[in-house]
Amino acid sequence: MPPKISKSKLAEIIRAYQAGASLTAVAKPLRLTPNAIHYHLRRAGVPRRTPGAPPVPPERIAEIVAMYQGGASLSEVGQHF
């Protein structure tokens, strides 16, 4: 079982993860493993992101959809963003 952490440390982990930091990036400065970070996030009810997929800011979704519906390929949309 991963080590216990304080509520303030958990809040810091959640903020960093939700801001887009990887499990490894969150874990390293805290001297924890990515698995320990995942454990604490899961216990806190934080949904897991798809590995390797950066979060899409909500304000960009309409722009992405419009570009694709306007005829751009998925590759073109991906390169643009």
Protein backbone atom coordinates (compact mmCIF):
# COMPACT_ATOMS: atom_id res chain seq x y z
CA MET A 1 0.00 0.00 0.00
CA PRO A 2 1.34 3.47 -0.89
CA PRO A 3 2.42 5.82 1.89
CA LYS A 4 -0.18 8.05 3.53
CA ILE A 5 -0.15 11.68 2.48
CA SER A 6 -1.62 14.84 3.99
CA LYS A 7 -4.79 16.46 2.70
CA SER A 8 -2.78 19.45 1.48
CA LYS A 9 -0.40 17.17 -0.42
CA LEU A 10 -3.36 15.33 -1.96
CA ALA A 11 -4.85 18.66 -3.06
CA GLU A 12 -1.50 19.56 -4.66
CA ILE A 13 -1.38 16.22 -6.48
CA ILE A 14 -4.95 16.64 -7.76
CA ARG A 15 -4.28 20.19 -8.98
CA ALA A 16 -1.12 19.16 -10.83
CA TYR A 17 -2.76 16.12 -12.41
CA GLN A 18 -5.87 18.02 -13.49
CA ALA A 19 -3.64 20.75 -14.96
CA GLY A 20 -2.20 18.10 -17.29
CA ALA A 21 0.91 16.79 -15.51
CA SER A 22 1.66 13.11 -16.03
CA LEU A 23 1.65 10.65 -13.13
CA THR A 24 5.44 10.50 -13.39
CA ALA A 25 5.79 14.29 -13.38
CA VAL A 26 3.59 14.53 -10.28
CA ALA A 27 5.36 11.65 -8.51
CA LYS A 28 9.01 12.55 -9.03
CA PRO A 29 9.34 15.70 -6.88
CA LEU A 30 7.32 14.02 -4.11
CA ARG A 31 9.58 10.94 -4.18
CA LEU A 32 6.58 8.72 -4.86
CA THR A 33 5.90 6.26 -7.64
CA PRO A 34 3.43 6.92 -10.44
CA ASN A 35 1.44 3.96 -9.08
CA ALA A 36 1.20 5.66 -5.68
CA ILE A 37 -0.07 8.85 -7.33
CA HIS A 38 -2.65 6.82 -9.27
CA TYR A 39 -3.73 5.11 -6.04
CA HIS A 40 -4.32 8.42 -4.25
CA LEU A 41 -6.09 9.97 -7.24
CA ARG A 42 -8.37 6.94 -7.57
CA ARG A 43 -9.23 7.00 -3.85
CA ALA A 44 -10.03 10.72 -4.17
CA GLY A 45 -12.40 9.97 -7.06
CA VAL A 46 -10.37 11.80 -9.69
CA PRO A 47 -11.07 10.31 -13.15
CA ARG A 48 -8.06 8.95 -14.99
CA ARG A 49 -7.09 10.55 -18.29
CA THR A 50 -6.37 8.41 -21.31
CA PRO A 51 -2.62 7.64 -21.10
CA GLY A 52 -0.60 9.82 -23.47
CA ALA A 53 -3.54 12.04 -24.38
CA PRO A 54 -3.23 15.64 -23.25
CA PRO A 55 -6.48 17.20 -22.11
CA VAL A 56 -8.34 19.33 -24.64
CA PRO A 57 -9.27 22.70 -23.18
CA PRO A 58 -13.08 23.06 -23.36
CA GLU A 59 -12.82 26.38 -25.18
CA ARG A 60 -10.97 24.68 -28.07
CA ILE A 61 -13.51 21.88 -28.70
CA ALA A 62 -15.86 24.01 -30.81
CA GLU A 63 -12.89 25.19 -32.89
CA ILE A 64 -11.72 21.61 -33.43
CA VAL A 65 -15.20 20.43 -34.44
CA ALA A 66 -15.67 23.37 -36.82
CA MET A 67 -12.31 22.75 -38.48
CA TYR A 68 -13.13 19.05 -39.00
CA GLN A 69 -16.66 19.74 -40.22
CA GLY A 70 -15.19 22.35 -42.56
CA GLY A 71 -13.31 19.62 -44.40
CA ALA A 72 -9.98 19.37 -42.59
CA SER A 73 -8.65 15.86 -42.10
CA LEU A 74 -7.99 14.48 -38.62
CA SER A 75 -4.29 14.74 -39.39
CA GLU A 76 -4.64 18.42 -40.28
CA VAL A 77 -6.66 19.12 -37.15
CA GLY A 78 -4.06 17.31 -35.03
CA GLN A 79 -1.18 19.22 -36.56
CA HIS A 80 -3.00 22.51 -36.04
CA PHE A 81 -3.46 21.85 -32.34
